[in-house]
Amino acid sequence: MGGLIFSYKTIAASSSGIFTEKRSKFISFAFPISSEEEAAMHIEAIRKEYYDARHVCWAYVCGEKSRVERLNDDGEPSSTAGKPILGQIHSKELTNTLVVVIRYFGGVKLGTGGLIQAYKAAALEALDAAEIVEHELLTRYVLEFDFDYINPVMMLLRNYGAITIDSDTDVNGYIWTVDVYDRDVERFEQEAETLYKLSVKKKTEEDE
């Protein structure tokens, strides 16, 4: 995926689907996730509920600006389950999404090509049943400015549709924490620093 990323797509809520091929039953589940730990919890819950399934295969993409991908064939021949599941997540251009497909063997072997197509179709059943939503990415800033600058700063924030997260004061003036849409950050920083002479600092996770 080239170029700058200003938004990402994921699913709004969990969904499921069923696909049958030569008496093998594939039940698929799609979940919105916010972390790898959350994905692991969903996978474990599926394993416990469907303890009698022969295979519990899965794949996920997690992250917004930087992304992590994981997949598992769970005993199926290499690259016949997790990879086609992941491919369907990619085809929908999703992130923060987990898809789990469980298989009940029907007594007839599907072969490598058949397995790939079956897991692909099963994953698609769950994803097609989900509502896809798009979220714009945000960058968090801390703004420090003199008390006299309150009106110009409020106008600046309105112009960029910035979201005020927190506001505080000290002896020197205001300290505001705001979220700015990534598509606007370059212009926002330039305008805040050159026109308004504000102290602008990006807030990282380590600062939280």
C-alpha atoms as a PDB file:
ATOM      1  CA  MET A   1       0.000   0.000   0.000  1.00  0.00           C
ATOM      2  CA  GLY A   2       1.856   3.079  -1.227  1.00  0.00           C
ATOM      3  CA  GLY A   3       1.627   6.737  -0.279  1.00  0.00           C
ATOM      4  CA  LEU A   4       0.400   8.376   2.869  1.00  0.00           C
ATOM      5  CA  ILE A   5      -2.484   6.774   4.753  1.00  0.00           C
ATOM      6  CA  PHE A   6      -5.083   9.186   6.136  1.00  0.00           C
ATOM      7  CA  SER A   7      -7.833   6.683   6.949  1.00  0.00           C
ATOM      8  CA  TYR A   8      -8.425   2.982   7.462  1.00  0.00           C
ATOM      9  CA  LYS A   9     -11.281   0.526   6.998  1.00  0.00           C
ATOM     10  CA  THR A  10     -12.470  -2.118   9.425  1.00  0.00           C
ATOM     11  CA  ILE A  11     -15.708  -3.908  10.285  1.00  0.00           C
ATOM     12  CA  ALA A  12     -18.312  -2.323  12.543  1.00  0.00           C
ATOM     13  CA  ALA A  13     -19.266  -5.482  14.460  1.00  0.00           C
ATOM     14  CA  SER A  14     -18.740  -9.233  14.510  1.00  0.00           C
ATOM     15  CA  SER A  15     -20.324 -11.379  11.804  1.00  0.00           C
ATOM     16  CA  SER A  16     -20.380 -15.004  10.696  1.00  0.00           C
ATOM     17  CA  GLY A  17     -20.963 -17.266   7.717  1.00  0.00           C
ATOM     18  CA  ILE A  18     -21.195 -20.921   6.693  1.00  0.00           C
ATOM     19  CA  PHE A  19     -19.732 -22.658   3.646  1.00  0.00           C
ATOM     20  CA  THR A  20     -20.039 -26.341   2.748  1.00  0.00           C
ATOM     21  CA  GLU A  21     -17.852 -28.265   0.307  1.00  0.00           C
ATOM     22  CA  LYS A  22     -18.022 -32.047  -0.230  1.00  0.00           C
ATOM     23  CA  ARG A  23     -19.634 -32.554   3.175  1.00  0.00           C
ATOM     24  CA  SER A  24     -16.924 -30.537   4.972  1.00  0.00           C
ATOM     25  CA  LYS A  25     -18.554 -27.713   6.918  1.00  0.00           C
ATOM     26  CA  PHE A  26     -16.707 -24.421   7.300  1.00  0.00           C
ATOM     27  CA  ILE A  27     -18.033 -21.926   9.862  1.00  0.00           C
ATOM     28  CA  SER A  28     -16.457 -18.486   9.690  1.00  0.00           C
ATOM     29  CA  PHE A  29     -16.366 -15.554  12.083  1.00  0.00           C
ATOM     30  CA  ALA A  30     -15.139 -11.996  11.592  1.00  0.00           C
ATOM     31  CA  PHE A  31     -14.325  -9.731  14.537  1.00  0.00           C
ATOM     32  CA  PRO A  32     -13.241  -6.096  14.844  1.00  0.00           C
ATOM     33  CA  ILE A  33     -10.104  -5.990  17.011  1.00  0.00           C
ATOM     34  CA  SER A  34      -7.964  -3.257  18.521  1.00  0.00           C
ATOM     35  CA  SER A  35      -4.967  -5.361  19.588  1.00  0.00           C
ATOM     36  CA  GLU A  36      -3.261  -8.710  19.106  1.00  0.00           C
ATOM     37  CA  GLU A  37      -4.313  -9.635  22.637  1.00  0.00           C
ATOM     38  CA  GLU A  38      -7.960  -9.126  21.711  1.00  0.00           C
ATOM     39  CA  ALA A  39      -7.494 -11.334  18.643  1.00  0.00           C
ATOM     40  CA  ALA A  40      -6.003 -14.086  20.819  1.00  0.00           C
ATOM     41  CA  MET A  41      -9.001 -13.898  23.179  1.00  0.00           C
ATOM     42  CA  HIS A  42     -11.458 -14.361  20.302  1.00  0.00           C
ATOM     43  CA  ILE A  43      -9.472 -17.289  18.897  1.00  0.00           C
ATOM     44  CA  GLU A  44      -9.338 -19.002  22.285  1.00  0.00           C
ATOM     45  CA  ALA A  45     -13.077 -18.484  22.812  1.00  0.00           C
ATOM     46  CA  ILE A  46     -13.826 -20.071  19.423  1.00  0.00           C
ATOM     47  CA  ARG A  47     -11.555 -23.022  20.250  1.00  0.00           C
ATOM     48  CA  LYS A  48     -13.423 -23.625  23.497  1.00  0.00           C
ATOM     49  CA  GLU A  49     -16.883 -23.313  21.961  1.00  0.00           C
ATOM     50  CA  TYR A  50     -16.071 -25.484  18.944  1.00  0.00           C
ATOM     51  CA  TYR A  51     -13.754 -27.898  20.739  1.00  0.00           C
ATOM     52  CA  ASP A  52     -14.804 -30.760  18.467  1.00  0.00           C
ATOM     53  CA  ALA A  53     -13.810 -29.011  15.215  1.00  0.00           C
ATOM     54  CA  ARG A  54     -10.878 -30.575  13.406  1.00  0.00           C
ATOM     55  CA  HIS A  55      -9.266 -27.252  12.485  1.00  0.00           C
ATOM     56  CA  VAL A  56      -9.526 -23.688  13.797  1.00  0.00           C
ATOM     57  CA  CYS A  57      -7.693 -21.544  11.250  1.00  0.00           C
ATOM     58  CA  TRP A  58      -7.368 -17.798  11.352  1.00  0.00           C
ATOM     59  CA  ALA A  59      -5.722 -14.619  10.122  1.00  0.00           C
ATOM     60  CA  TYR A  60      -5.779 -11.001  11.170  1.00  0.00           C
ATOM     61  CA  VAL A  61      -4.479  -7.561  10.339  1.00  0.00           C
ATOM     62  CA  CYS A  62      -4.057  -5.217  13.298  1.00  0.00           C
ATOM     63  CA  GLY A  63      -2.935  -1.608  13.502  1.00  0.00           C
ATOM     64  CA  GLU A  64      -3.701   1.675  11.835  1.00  0.00           C
ATOM     65  CA  LYS A  65      -0.602   3.611  10.812  1.00  0.00           C
ATOM     66  CA  SER A  66       1.655   0.561  11.161  1.00  0.00           C
ATOM     67  CA  ARG A  67       0.145  -2.891  10.763  1.00  0.00           C
ATOM     68  CA  VAL A  68       0.814  -6.398  12.023  1.00  0.00           C
ATOM     69  CA  GLU A  69      -0.344  -9.524  10.177  1.00  0.00           C
ATOM     70  CA  ARG A  70      -0.623 -13.032  11.611  1.00  0.00           C
ATOM     71  CA  LEU A  71      -2.066 -16.277  10.270  1.00  0.00           C
ATOM     72  CA  ASN A  72      -2.365 -19.934  11.275  1.00  0.00           C
ATOM     73  CA  ASP A  73      -3.199 -23.079   9.266  1.00  0.00           C
ATOM     74  CA  ASP A  74      -3.871 -25.132  12.430  1.00  0.00           C
ATOM     75  CA  GLY A  75      -2.830 -28.464  10.953  1.00  0.00           C
ATOM     76  CA  GLU A  76      -4.068 -27.928   7.411  1.00  0.00           C
ATOM     77  CA  PRO A  77      -1.395 -28.182   4.674  1.00  0.00           C
ATOM     78  CA  SER A  78       0.866 -25.119   4.653  1.00  0.00           C
ATOM     79  CA  SER A  79      -0.679 -21.987   3.116  1.00  0.00           C
ATOM     80  CA  THR A  80      -4.062 -23.633   2.416  1.00  0.00           C
ATOM     81  CA  ALA A  81      -6.024 -21.932   5.209  1.00  0.00           C
ATOM     82  CA  GLY A  82      -4.472 -18.910   6.927  1.00  0.00           C
ATOM     83  CA  LYS A  83      -3.111 -17.417   3.712  1.00  0.00           C
ATOM     84  CA  PRO A  84      -6.409 -17.446   1.763  1.00  0.00           C
ATOM     85  CA  ILE A  85      -8.206 -16.081   4.840  1.00  0.00           C
ATOM     86  CA  LEU A  86      -5.668 -13.244   5.042  1.00  0.00           C
ATOM     87  CA  GLY A  87      -6.080 -12.669   1.321  1.00  0.00           C
ATOM     88  CA  GLN A  88      -9.772 -11.955   1.798  1.00  0.00           C
ATOM     89  CA  ILE A  89      -9.009  -9.404   4.527  1.00  0.00           C
ATOM     90  CA  HIS A  90      -6.585  -7.759   2.082  1.00  0.00           C
ATOM     91  CA  SER A  91      -9.149  -7.843  -0.733  1.00  0.00           C
ATOM     92  CA  LYS A  92     -11.518  -5.777   1.420  1.00  0.00           C
ATOM     93  CA  GLU A  93      -8.620  -3.431   2.368  1.00  0.00           C
ATOM     94  CA  LEU A  94      -9.325  -3.978   6.063  1.00  0.00           C
ATOM     95  CA  THR A  95      -7.290  -3.636   9.212  1.00  0.00           C
ATOM     96  CA  ASN A  96      -8.130  -4.234  12.887  1.00  0.00           C
ATOM     97  CA  THR A  97      -9.950  -7.315  11.638  1.00  0.00           C
ATOM     98  CA  LEU A  98      -9.734 -10.991  12.631  1.00  0.00           C
ATOM     99  CA  VAL A  99     -11.286 -13.845  10.642  1.00  0.00           C
ATOM    100  CA  VAL A 100     -11.525 -17.345  12.130  1.00  0.00           C
ATOM    101  CA  VAL A 101     -12.676 -20.345  10.076  1.00  0.00           C
ATOM    102  CA  ILE A 102     -13.389 -23.689  11.725  1.00  0.00           C
ATOM    103  CA  ARG A 103     -13.701 -26.902   9.740  1.00  0.00           C
ATOM    104  CA  TYR A 104     -15.680 -30.039  10.413  1.00  0.00           C
ATOM    105  CA  PHE A 105     -14.261 -32.747   8.146  1.00  0.00           C
ATOM    106  CA  GLY A 106     -16.886 -34.431   5.985  1.00  0.00           C
ATOM    107  CA  GLY A 107     -14.928 -37.544   5.086  1.00  0.00           C
ATOM    108  CA  VAL A 108     -13.844 -36.403   1.617  1.00  0.00           C
ATOM    109  CA  LYS A 109     -10.400 -34.855   1.105  1.00  0.00           C
ATOM    110  CA  LEU A 110     -10.512 -31.563  -0.758  1.00  0.00           C
ATOM    111  CA  GLY A 111      -6.910 -31.416  -1.936  1.00  0.00           C
ATOM    112  CA  THR A 112      -4.667 -28.370  -1.784  1.00  0.00           C
ATOM    113  CA  GLY A 113      -6.578 -26.322  -4.352  1.00  0.00           C
ATOM    114  CA  GLY A 114      -9.924 -27.297  -2.876  1.00  0.00           C
ATOM    115  CA  LEU A 115      -8.860 -26.281   0.621  1.00  0.00           C
ATOM    116  CA  ILE A 116      -7.608 -22.907  -0.566  1.00  0.00           C
ATOM    117  CA  GLN A 117     -10.870 -22.171  -2.349  1.00  0.00           C
ATOM    118  CA  ALA A 118     -12.962 -23.419   0.581  1.00  0.00           C
ATOM    119  CA  TYR A 119     -11.191 -21.285   3.196  1.00  0.00           C
ATOM    120  CA  LYS A 120     -11.285 -18.332   0.826  1.00  0.00           C
ATOM    121  CA  ALA A 121     -15.032 -18.742   0.300  1.00  0.00           C
ATOM    122  CA  ALA A 122     -15.728 -19.267   4.000  1.00  0.00           C
ATOM    123  CA  ALA A 123     -13.794 -16.142   4.995  1.00  0.00           C
ATOM    124  CA  LEU A 124     -15.676 -14.151   2.373  1.00  0.00           C
ATOM    125  CA  GLU A 125     -19.016 -15.344   3.773  1.00  0.00           C
ATOM    126  CA  ALA A 126     -18.228 -13.745   7.143  1.00  0.00           C
ATOM    127  CA  LEU A 127     -16.756 -10.558   5.684  1.00  0.00           C
ATOM    128  CA  ASP A 128     -19.621 -10.070   3.244  1.00  0.00           C
ATOM    129  CA  ALA A 129     -22.010 -10.251   6.208  1.00  0.00           C
ATOM    130  CA  ALA A 130     -20.149  -7.450   8.019  1.00  0.00           C
ATOM    131  CA  GLU A 131     -20.654  -3.711   7.720  1.00  0.00           C
ATOM    132  CA  ILE A 132     -17.428  -2.020   6.640  1.00  0.00           C
ATOM    133  CA  VAL A 133     -16.694   1.379   8.163  1.00  0.00           C
ATOM    134  CA  GLU A 134     -13.957   3.896   7.435  1.00  0.00           C
ATOM    135  CA  HIS A 135     -12.212   5.923  10.135  1.00  0.00           C
ATOM    136  CA  GLU A 136      -9.994   8.932   9.590  1.00  0.00           C
ATOM    137  CA  LEU A 137      -6.627   8.822  11.329  1.00  0.00           C
ATOM    138  CA  LEU A 138      -5.816  11.439  13.951  1.00  0.00           C
ATOM    139  CA  THR A 139      -2.630  12.842  15.442  1.00  0.00           C
ATOM    140  CA  ARG A 140      -2.653  14.148  19.008  1.00  0.00           C
ATOM    141  CA  TYR A 141      -0.980  17.450  19.870  1.00  0.00           C
ATOM    142  CA  VAL A 142      -0.283  19.489  22.977  1.00  0.00           C
ATOM    143  CA  LEU A 143      -0.679  23.233  22.392  1.00  0.00           C
ATOM    144  CA  GLU A 144       0.727  25.801  24.801  1.00  0.00           C
ATOM    145  CA  PHE A 145      -0.315  29.419  24.355  1.00  0.00           C
ATOM    146  CA  ASP A 146      -0.814  32.705  26.183  1.00  0.00           C
ATOM    147  CA  PHE A 147      -4.177  33.559  27.740  1.00  0.00           C
ATOM    148  CA  ASP A 148      -4.630  36.372  25.189  1.00  0.00           C
ATOM    149  CA  TYR A 149      -4.515  33.853  22.300  1.00  0.00           C
ATOM    150  CA  ILE A 150      -7.679  31.981  23.244  1.00  0.00           C
ATOM    151  CA  ASN A 151      -9.855  33.373  20.422  1.00  0.00           C
ATOM    152  CA  PRO A 152      -7.325  32.924  17.571  1.00  0.00           C
ATOM    153  CA  VAL A 153      -6.553  29.389  18.768  1.00  0.00           C
ATOM    154  CA  MET A 154     -10.224  28.488  18.900  1.00  0.00           C
ATOM    155  CA  MET A 155     -10.590  29.783  15.338  1.00  0.00           C
ATOM    156  CA  LEU A 156      -7.572  27.726  14.224  1.00  0.00           C
ATOM    157  CA  LEU A 157      -9.023  24.567  15.751  1.00  0.00           C
ATOM    158  CA  ARG A 158     -12.417  25.212  14.161  1.00  0.00           C
ATOM    159  CA  ASN A 159     -10.801  25.726  10.746  1.00  0.00           C
ATOM    160  CA  TYR A 160      -9.245  22.257  10.917  1.00  0.00           C
ATOM    161  CA  GLY A 161     -12.106  20.481  12.634  1.00  0.00           C
ATOM    162  CA  ALA A 162      -9.735  19.642  15.491  1.00  0.00           C
ATOM    163  CA  ILE A 163     -11.110  17.819  18.521  1.00  0.00           C
ATOM    164  CA  THR A 164     -10.257  19.161  21.978  1.00  0.00           C
ATOM    165  CA  ILE A 165      -9.400  16.263  24.303  1.00  0.00           C
ATOM    166  CA  ASP A 166      -8.223  18.131  27.397  1.00  0.00           C
ATOM    167  CA  SER A 167      -7.618  21.693  28.554  1.00  0.00           C
ATOM    168  CA  ASP A 168      -5.494  22.962  31.418  1.00  0.00           C
ATOM    169  CA  THR A 169      -3.734  26.115  32.544  1.00  0.00           C
ATOM    170  CA  ASP A 170      -0.530  27.120  34.265  1.00  0.00           C
ATOM    171  CA  VAL A 171       1.012  30.475  35.132  1.00  0.00           C
ATOM    172  CA  ASN A 172       2.033  31.014  31.491  1.00  0.00           C
ATOM    173  CA  GLY A 173      -1.305  30.307  29.837  1.00  0.00           C
ATOM    174  CA  TYR A 174      -3.306  27.440  28.389  1.00  0.00           C
ATOM    175  CA  ILE A 175      -2.208  23.857  27.764  1.00  0.00           C
ATOM    176  CA  TRP A 176      -4.605  22.074  25.431  1.00  0.00           C
ATOM    177  CA  THR A 177      -4.547  18.537  24.099  1.00  0.00           C
ATOM    178  CA  VAL A 178      -6.192  18.242  20.679  1.00  0.00           C
ATOM    179  CA  ASP A 179      -6.642  15.671  17.910  1.00  0.00           C
ATOM    180  CA  VAL A 180      -6.057  16.783  14.319  1.00  0.00           C
ATOM    181  CA  TYR A 181      -6.943  14.775  11.206  1.00  0.00           C
ATOM    182  CA  ASP A 182      -3.814  13.336   9.610  1.00  0.00           C
ATOM    183  CA  ARG A 183      -4.729  14.812   6.226  1.00  0.00           C
ATOM    184  CA  ASP A 184      -4.349  18.283   7.814  1.00  0.00           C
ATOM    185  CA  VAL A 185      -1.323  17.887  10.092  1.00  0.00           C
ATOM    186  CA  GLU A 186       1.278  19.473   7.817  1.00  0.00           C
ATOM    187  CA  ARG A 187      -0.763  22.631   7.220  1.00  0.00           C
ATOM    188  CA  PHE A 188      -1.943  22.706  10.836  1.00  0.00           C
ATOM    189  CA  GLU A 189       1.615  22.616  12.227  1.00  0.00           C
ATOM    190  CA  GLN A 190       2.833  25.260   9.810  1.00  0.00           C
ATOM    191  CA  GLU A 191      -0.056  27.617  10.499  1.00  0.00           C
ATOM    192  CA  ALA A 192       0.039  27.094  14.265  1.00  0.00           C
ATOM    193  CA  GLU A 193       3.767  27.788  14.497  1.00  0.00           C
ATOM    194  CA  THR A 194       4.257  30.507  11.869  1.00  0.00           C
ATOM    195  CA  LEU A 195       1.009  32.477  12.031  1.00  0.00           C
ATOM    196  CA  TYR A 196       0.040  31.934  15.646  1.00  0.00           C
ATOM    197  CA  LYS A 197       3.496  31.397  17.189  1.00  0.00           C
ATOM    198  CA  LEU A 198       2.182  28.465  19.212  1.00  0.00           C
ATOM    199  CA  SER A 199       4.215  25.793  20.946  1.00  0.00           C
ATOM    200  CA  VAL A 200       3.047  22.617  19.163  1.00  0.00           C
ATOM    201  CA  LYS A 201       4.185  19.158  20.258  1.00  0.00           C
ATOM    202  CA  LYS A 202       2.992  15.786  19.021  1.00  0.00           C
ATOM    203  CA  LYS A 203       1.831  13.558  21.858  1.00  0.00           C
ATOM    204  CA  THR A 204       3.055   9.957  21.637  1.00  0.00           C
ATOM    205  CA  GLU A 205       1.841   6.839  23.447  1.00  0.00           C
ATOM    206  CA  GLU A 206       4.802   7.189  25.821  1.00  0.00           C
ATOM    207  CA  ASP A 207       3.410  10.572  26.909  1.00  0.00           C
ATOM    208  CA  GLU A 208       0.007   9.112  27.840  1.00  0.00           C
END
